[in-house]
Amino acid sequence: MTFADSLVSSPPVQRVKLTPREEETLDWIIDGRSINEAASLMGIPPRTAKYYSDRLRVKFGVARRRELIRLGREWFDDAEGQGAA
C-alpha cells in the first residue's frame, strides 16, 4: 500500500489503533514538541521518534503535522470519552 492509498482508506479517528509509544509520541507532538524534543523526553533516538511520527501520519491518513495534531486531539478526546486514555 502506498502513502496515497493510505490517505484514501484511512479509518475513522476513533478506530485508529496506536501502540503505547505512538500514543506517547502523538501526545508530545500535540504539545508542540519537535521530533528531537519528543525523542529526548522519551529517551529514544530522534530517528525512532521520526519513525513513530511517520507511522502516525499513515495511520491517521494525513501528510501535514497540523492535520496530525488536529486528528490527534480528536483521537485523545474520543479515547477519554471511552475511558481508554
Protein backbone atom coordinates (compact mmCIF):
# COMPACT_ATOMS: atom_id res chain seq x y z
CA MET A 1 0.00 0.00 0.00
CA THR A 2 1.35 3.40 -0.95
CA PHE A 3 1.07 6.54 1.17
CA ALA A 4 -1.57 7.89 -1.26
CA ASP A 5 -3.59 4.68 -0.84
CA SER A 6 -3.47 5.04 2.93
CA LEU A 7 -4.94 8.55 2.64
CA VAL A 8 -7.95 7.19 0.78
CA SER A 9 -8.53 4.18 3.02
CA SER A 10 -7.69 5.60 6.45
CA PRO A 11 -10.07 4.53 9.23
CA PRO A 12 -12.17 6.99 11.23
CA VAL A 13 -10.23 8.65 14.06
CA GLN A 14 -11.99 6.72 16.81
CA ARG A 15 -10.95 3.38 15.25
CA VAL A 16 -7.24 4.18 14.80
CA LYS A 17 -5.23 1.77 16.96
CA LEU A 18 -1.99 3.16 18.42
CA THR A 19 0.85 1.48 20.24
CA PRO A 20 1.81 2.99 23.61
CA ARG A 21 4.91 4.60 22.01
CA GLU A 22 2.86 6.03 19.13
CA GLU A 23 0.41 7.43 21.66
CA GLU A 24 3.24 9.00 23.67
CA THR A 25 4.80 10.46 20.51
CA LEU A 26 1.43 11.88 19.45
CA ASP A 27 0.96 13.46 22.87
CA TRP A 28 4.33 15.26 22.60
CA ILE A 29 3.57 16.39 19.03
CA ILE A 30 0.22 17.81 20.15
CA ASP A 31 2.08 19.54 22.99
CA GLY A 32 4.12 21.38 20.34
CA ARG A 33 7.37 19.47 20.80
CA SER A 34 9.73 18.84 17.89
CA ILE A 35 10.73 15.30 16.97
CA ASN A 36 14.11 15.86 18.65
CA GLU A 37 12.47 17.16 21.83
CA ALA A 38 9.99 14.28 21.90
CA ALA A 39 12.82 11.79 21.39
CA SER A 40 14.79 13.30 24.25
CA LEU A 41 11.78 13.25 26.58
CA MET A 42 11.02 9.64 25.62
CA GLY A 43 14.65 8.54 25.95
CA ILE A 44 14.84 7.26 22.37
CA PRO A 45 16.88 8.25 19.29
CA PRO A 46 15.37 11.01 17.11
CA ARG A 47 15.26 8.57 14.20
CA THR A 48 12.94 6.29 16.21
CA ALA A 49 10.68 9.20 17.16
CA LYS A 50 10.56 10.19 13.48
CA TYR A 51 9.54 6.62 12.63
CA TYR A 52 6.67 6.82 15.15
CA SER A 53 5.63 10.19 13.72
CA ASP A 54 5.64 8.77 10.19
CA ARG A 55 3.56 5.78 11.31
CA LEU A 56 1.07 8.14 12.95
CA ARG A 57 0.68 10.07 9.72
CA VAL A 58 -0.01 6.87 7.80
CA LYS A 59 -2.46 5.59 10.41
CA PHE A 60 -4.36 8.89 10.51
CA GLY A 61 -4.08 9.33 6.74
CA VAL A 62 -2.51 12.79 6.83
CA ALA A 63 0.56 14.37 5.31
CA ARG A 64 0.96 17.51 7.43
CA ARG A 65 1.85 17.92 11.08
CA ARG A 66 -1.02 20.38 11.59
CA GLU A 67 -3.51 17.77 10.37
CA LEU A 68 -1.95 15.15 12.63
CA ILE A 69 -2.31 17.48 15.62
CA ARG A 70 -5.98 18.17 14.84
CA LEU A 71 -6.86 14.50 14.41
CA GLY A 72 -4.68 13.51 17.35
CA ARG A 73 -6.64 15.84 19.62
CA GLU A 74 -9.87 14.26 18.37
CA TRP A 75 -8.41 10.80 18.99
CA PHE A 76 -7.45 11.65 22.59
CA ASP A 77 -10.86 13.28 23.19
CA ASP A 78 -12.62 10.17 21.88
CA ALA A 79 -10.35 7.83 23.86
CA GLU A 80 -11.06 9.78 27.06
CA GLY A 81 -14.78 9.56 26.37
CA GLN A 82 -14.43 5.80 26.18
CA GLY A 83 -12.24 5.62 29.30
CA ALA A 84 -9.21 4.38 27.33
CA ALA A 85 -6.77 7.25 27.72
